Amino acid sequence: MAMNNEDMVKEFEAFIPFVVALNDYDESHWNLPIAEGKWSLKDIICHIMLWDKYFYEEAILKIKLKEPLTVRHLNFDEFNANAIEYSKSQTKQSIIDRFAEYRSKIINDISGLSDEEYIQEYFDGDKKIFTIQEYLRGFIPHDKQHKEQIEKFLKSIA
């Protein structure tokens, strides 16, 4: 059964305490690849944080301000490579703080919307349809995938 909008927001928000709890792990663990040929914990959280920042600034905030959306369909590989490079200059605390900041901004701006507002269609910067509901439906499984990878990694270092 598909989640309703309120449940999706709760699910999206639930990733915040999970990431904040990762602060308990030493910075050295944050810099280890989670598996051979994979990103580090730091890279993964930075990657998620930067996608949240991007969608907040280019879509969610624009909707709140009743401005045209500027979010575009980006080259994922290029965006992710830039996120990994950016993570090298950041501390685990700064990444956690910024993740919590941007995820909270998204949650604050979409909490309490009506069902009609979740399915309201907007045109993005590429003139494609964007809805808050579809955004959540796309990113909740993305969070879950990374959460499972992280949990497996944490068990391996315990």
C-alpha atoms as a PDB file:
ATOM      1  CA  MET A   1       0.000   0.000   0.000  1.00  0.00           C
ATOM      2  CA  ALA A   2       1.310   3.428  -0.940  1.00  0.00           C
ATOM      3  CA  MET A   3       2.146   5.853   1.850  1.00  0.00           C
ATOM      4  CA  ASN A   4       0.016   8.924   2.315  1.00  0.00           C
ATOM      5  CA  ASN A   5       1.660  12.349   2.224  1.00  0.00           C
ATOM      6  CA  GLU A   6       1.877  12.731   5.992  1.00  0.00           C
ATOM      7  CA  ASP A   7       3.586   9.341   6.329  1.00  0.00           C
ATOM      8  CA  MET A   8       6.034  10.217   3.570  1.00  0.00           C
ATOM      9  CA  VAL A   9       6.986  13.438   5.367  1.00  0.00           C
ATOM     10  CA  LYS A  10       7.506  11.494   8.622  1.00  0.00           C
ATOM     11  CA  GLU A  11       9.640   8.934   6.788  1.00  0.00           C
ATOM     12  CA  PHE A  12      11.688  11.676   5.133  1.00  0.00           C
ATOM     13  CA  GLU A  13      12.135  13.411   8.494  1.00  0.00           C
ATOM     14  CA  ALA A  14      13.146  10.176  10.262  1.00  0.00           C
ATOM     15  CA  PHE A  15      16.442  10.195   8.395  1.00  0.00           C
ATOM     16  CA  ILE A  16      17.567  13.248  10.412  1.00  0.00           C
ATOM     17  CA  PRO A  17      18.055  11.451  13.773  1.00  0.00           C
ATOM     18  CA  PHE A  18      19.680   8.534  11.949  1.00  0.00           C
ATOM     19  CA  VAL A  19      22.302  10.856  10.439  1.00  0.00           C
ATOM     20  CA  VAL A  20      22.756  12.831  13.660  1.00  0.00           C
ATOM     21  CA  ALA A  21      23.446   9.570  15.521  1.00  0.00           C
ATOM     22  CA  LEU A  22      26.308   8.884  13.109  1.00  0.00           C
ATOM     23  CA  ASN A  23      28.179  11.632  14.933  1.00  0.00           C
ATOM     24  CA  ASP A  24      28.948   9.004  17.581  1.00  0.00           C
ATOM     25  CA  TYR A  25      31.370   7.354  15.179  1.00  0.00           C
ATOM     26  CA  ASP A  26      34.954   8.498  14.999  1.00  0.00           C
ATOM     27  CA  GLU A  27      35.986  10.718  12.094  1.00  0.00           C
ATOM     28  CA  SER A  28      38.348   7.930  10.962  1.00  0.00           C
ATOM     29  CA  HIS A  29      35.307   5.667  10.434  1.00  0.00           C
ATOM     30  CA  TRP A  30      33.657   8.448   8.463  1.00  0.00           C
ATOM     31  CA  ASN A  31      36.561   8.463   6.019  1.00  0.00           C
ATOM     32  CA  LEU A  32      36.614   4.700   5.342  1.00  0.00           C
ATOM     33  CA  PRO A  33      34.943   3.366   2.199  1.00  0.00           C
ATOM     34  CA  ILE A  34      31.800   1.488   3.260  1.00  0.00           C
ATOM     35  CA  ALA A  35      32.875  -1.376   0.977  1.00  0.00           C
ATOM     36  CA  GLU A  36      35.541  -1.968  -1.629  1.00  0.00           C
ATOM     37  CA  GLY A  37      35.171   0.579  -4.415  1.00  0.00           C
ATOM     38  CA  LYS A  38      32.386   2.443  -2.580  1.00  0.00           C
ATOM     39  CA  TRP A  39      32.080   5.888  -1.076  1.00  0.00           C
ATOM     40  CA  SER A  40      32.896   6.695   2.528  1.00  0.00           C
ATOM     41  CA  LEU A  41      30.254   7.487   5.120  1.00  0.00           C
ATOM     42  CA  LYS A  42      31.293  11.138   4.837  1.00  0.00           C
ATOM     43  CA  ASP A  43      30.824  11.035   1.059  1.00  0.00           C
ATOM     44  CA  ILE A  44      27.363   9.458   1.325  1.00  0.00           C
ATOM     45  CA  ILE A  45      25.982  11.940   3.849  1.00  0.00           C
ATOM     46  CA  CYS A  46      27.515  14.868   1.973  1.00  0.00           C
ATOM     47  CA  HIS A  47      25.951  13.557  -1.259  1.00  0.00           C
ATOM     48  CA  ILE A  48      22.498  13.383   0.383  1.00  0.00           C
ATOM     49  CA  MET A  49      22.945  16.787   2.024  1.00  0.00           C
ATOM     50  CA  LEU A  50      23.864  18.448  -1.262  1.00  0.00           C
ATOM     51  CA  TRP A  51      20.875  16.910  -3.060  1.00  0.00           C
ATOM     52  CA  ASP A  52      18.650  18.191  -0.224  1.00  0.00           C
ATOM     53  CA  LYS A  53      20.253  21.629  -0.526  1.00  0.00           C
ATOM     54  CA  TYR A  54      19.750  21.629  -4.281  1.00  0.00           C
ATOM     55  CA  PHE A  55      16.093  20.589  -4.166  1.00  0.00           C
ATOM     56  CA  TYR A  56      15.355  22.924  -1.284  1.00  0.00           C
ATOM     57  CA  GLU A  57      16.866  25.983  -2.963  1.00  0.00           C
ATOM     58  CA  GLU A  58      15.729  25.249  -6.515  1.00  0.00           C
ATOM     59  CA  ALA A  59      12.265  23.757  -5.902  1.00  0.00           C
ATOM     60  CA  ILE A  60      10.804  23.637  -2.374  1.00  0.00           C
ATOM     61  CA  LEU A  61      11.749  27.209  -1.391  1.00  0.00           C
ATOM     62  CA  LYS A  62      10.596  28.456  -4.812  1.00  0.00           C
ATOM     63  CA  ILE A  63       7.205  26.808  -4.270  1.00  0.00           C
ATOM     64  CA  LYS A  64       6.953  28.409  -0.819  1.00  0.00           C
ATOM     65  CA  LEU A  65       7.815  31.825  -2.265  1.00  0.00           C
ATOM     66  CA  LYS A  66       5.498  31.275  -5.249  1.00  0.00           C
ATOM     67  CA  GLU A  67       8.422  31.743  -7.641  1.00  0.00           C
ATOM     68  CA  PRO A  68       9.226  29.749 -10.792  1.00  0.00           C
ATOM     69  CA  LEU A  69      11.162  26.557 -10.101  1.00  0.00           C
ATOM     70  CA  THR A  70      14.773  26.479 -11.246  1.00  0.00           C
ATOM     71  CA  VAL A  71      15.438  22.819 -10.437  1.00  0.00           C
ATOM     72  CA  ARG A  72      16.728  20.936 -13.492  1.00  0.00           C
ATOM     73  CA  HIS A  73      17.527  17.343 -14.342  1.00  0.00           C
ATOM     74  CA  LEU A  74      21.261  17.356 -13.708  1.00  0.00           C
ATOM     75  CA  ASN A  75      23.983  14.948 -14.696  1.00  0.00           C
ATOM     76  CA  PHE A  76      23.904  12.724 -11.598  1.00  0.00           C
ATOM     77  CA  ASP A  77      27.448  11.448 -12.031  1.00  0.00           C
ATOM     78  CA  GLU A  78      28.840  14.974 -12.272  1.00  0.00           C
ATOM     79  CA  PHE A  79      26.777  16.215  -9.306  1.00  0.00           C
ATOM     80  CA  ASN A  80      27.848  13.239  -7.193  1.00  0.00           C
ATOM     81  CA  ALA A  81      31.515  13.612  -8.167  1.00  0.00           C
ATOM     82  CA  ASN A  82      31.338  17.253  -7.074  1.00  0.00           C
ATOM     83  CA  ALA A  83      29.710  16.172  -3.794  1.00  0.00           C
ATOM     84  CA  ILE A  84      32.548  13.728  -3.120  1.00  0.00           C
ATOM     85  CA  GLU A  85      35.122  16.422  -3.843  1.00  0.00           C
ATOM     86  CA  TYR A  86      33.276  18.868  -1.576  1.00  0.00           C
ATOM     87  CA  SER A  87      33.163  16.316   1.262  1.00  0.00           C
ATOM     88  CA  LYS A  88      36.983  16.283   1.373  1.00  0.00           C
ATOM     89  CA  SER A  89      37.008  19.877   2.615  1.00  0.00           C
ATOM     90  CA  GLN A  90      34.341  19.333   5.287  1.00  0.00           C
ATOM     91  CA  THR A  91      34.297  17.891   8.783  1.00  0.00           C
ATOM     92  CA  LYS A  92      31.804  15.229   9.781  1.00  0.00           C
ATOM     93  CA  GLN A  93      30.154  17.756  12.125  1.00  0.00           C
ATOM     94  CA  SER A  94      29.722  20.366   9.399  1.00  0.00           C
ATOM     95  CA  ILE A  95      28.183  17.765   7.086  1.00  0.00           C
ATOM     96  CA  ILE A  96      25.814  16.509   9.798  1.00  0.00           C
ATOM     97  CA  ASP A  97      24.814  20.061  10.715  1.00  0.00           C
ATOM     98  CA  ARG A  98      24.156  21.066   7.112  1.00  0.00           C
ATOM     99  CA  PHE A  99      22.289  17.838   6.414  1.00  0.00           C
ATOM    100  CA  ALA A 100      20.005  18.471   9.408  1.00  0.00           C
ATOM    101  CA  GLU A 101      19.595  22.114   8.369  1.00  0.00           C
ATOM    102  CA  TYR A 102      18.499  21.426   4.787  1.00  0.00           C
ATOM    103  CA  ARG A 103      16.391  18.364   5.566  1.00  0.00           C
ATOM    104  CA  SER A 104      14.646  20.349   8.321  1.00  0.00           C
ATOM    105  CA  LYS A 105      14.000  23.257   5.958  1.00  0.00           C
ATOM    106  CA  ILE A 106      12.355  20.883   3.484  1.00  0.00           C
ATOM    107  CA  ILE A 107      10.262  19.271   6.233  1.00  0.00           C
ATOM    108  CA  ASN A 108       9.223  22.639   7.669  1.00  0.00           C
ATOM    109  CA  ASP A 109       8.126  23.938   4.275  1.00  0.00           C
ATOM    110  CA  ILE A 110       6.125  20.872   3.246  1.00  0.00           C
ATOM    111  CA  SER A 111       4.623  19.836   6.591  1.00  0.00           C
ATOM    112  CA  GLY A 112       0.952  20.563   6.885  1.00  0.00           C
ATOM    113  CA  LEU A 113       0.324  21.030   3.171  1.00  0.00           C
ATOM    114  CA  SER A 114      -2.985  19.768   1.868  1.00  0.00           C
ATOM    115  CA  ASP A 115      -3.122  16.674  -0.331  1.00  0.00           C
ATOM    116  CA  GLU A 116      -3.865  18.989  -3.255  1.00  0.00           C
ATOM    117  CA  GLU A 117      -0.677  20.954  -2.572  1.00  0.00           C
ATOM    118  CA  TYR A 118       1.397  17.748  -2.601  1.00  0.00           C
ATOM    119  CA  ILE A 119       0.154  16.895  -6.079  1.00  0.00           C
ATOM    120  CA  GLN A 120       0.135  20.468  -7.400  1.00  0.00           C
ATOM    121  CA  GLU A 121       2.063  20.418 -10.673  1.00  0.00           C
ATOM    122  CA  TYR A 122       4.865  22.897 -11.243  1.00  0.00           C
ATOM    123  CA  PHE A 123       7.154  23.194 -14.212  1.00  0.00           C
ATOM    124  CA  ASP A 124      10.821  22.841 -13.404  1.00  0.00           C
ATOM    125  CA  GLY A 125      13.707  24.570 -15.167  1.00  0.00           C
ATOM    126  CA  ASP A 126      13.532  21.956 -17.937  1.00  0.00           C
ATOM    127  CA  LYS A 127       9.769  22.520 -18.383  1.00  0.00           C
ATOM    128  CA  LYS A 128       9.054  19.085 -16.909  1.00  0.00           C
ATOM    129  CA  ILE A 129       6.407  18.510 -14.257  1.00  0.00           C
ATOM    130  CA  PHE A 130       7.519  18.584 -10.615  1.00  0.00           C
ATOM    131  CA  THR A 131       5.326  17.699  -7.642  1.00  0.00           C
ATOM    132  CA  ILE A 132       6.292  17.519  -3.987  1.00  0.00           C
ATOM    133  CA  GLN A 133       4.686  14.079  -3.778  1.00  0.00           C
ATOM    134  CA  GLU A 134       6.815  12.670  -6.604  1.00  0.00           C
ATOM    135  CA  TYR A 135       9.909  14.292  -5.122  1.00  0.00           C
ATOM    136  CA  LEU A 136       9.295  12.457  -1.836  1.00  0.00           C
ATOM    137  CA  ARG A 137       8.478   9.212  -3.638  1.00  0.00           C
ATOM    138  CA  GLY A 138      11.820   9.458  -5.419  1.00  0.00           C
ATOM    139  CA  PHE A 139      14.020  10.353  -2.487  1.00  0.00           C
ATOM    140  CA  ILE A 140      12.621   8.156   0.285  1.00  0.00           C
ATOM    141  CA  PRO A 141      13.869   4.962  -1.447  1.00  0.00           C
ATOM    142  CA  HIS A 142      17.174   6.772  -2.085  1.00  0.00           C
ATOM    143  CA  ASP A 143      17.509   7.410   1.661  1.00  0.00           C
ATOM    144  CA  LYS A 144      16.576   3.797   2.455  1.00  0.00           C
ATOM    145  CA  GLN A 145      19.187   2.438   0.062  1.00  0.00           C
ATOM    146  CA  HIS A 146      21.923   4.519   1.656  1.00  0.00           C
ATOM    147  CA  LYS A 147      20.677   3.743   5.181  1.00  0.00           C
ATOM    148  CA  GLU A 148      20.940   0.003   4.481  1.00  0.00           C
ATOM    149  CA  GLN A 149      24.477   0.453   3.108  1.00  0.00           C
ATOM    150  CA  ILE A 150      25.484   2.480   6.166  1.00  0.00           C
ATOM    151  CA  GLU A 151      23.971   0.001   8.631  1.00  0.00           C
ATOM    152  CA  LYS A 152      25.808  -2.868   6.934  1.00  0.00           C
ATOM    153  CA  PHE A 153      29.056  -0.889   7.120  1.00  0.00           C
ATOM    154  CA  LEU A 154      28.543  -0.044  10.791  1.00  0.00           C
ATOM    155  CA  LYS A 155      27.983  -3.714  11.623  1.00  0.00           C
ATOM    156  CA  SER A 156      31.224  -4.561   9.823  1.00  0.00           C
ATOM    157  CA  ILE A 157      33.278  -2.144  11.947  1.00  0.00           C
ATOM    158  CA  ALA A 158      31.599  -3.051  15.265  1.00  0.00           C
END
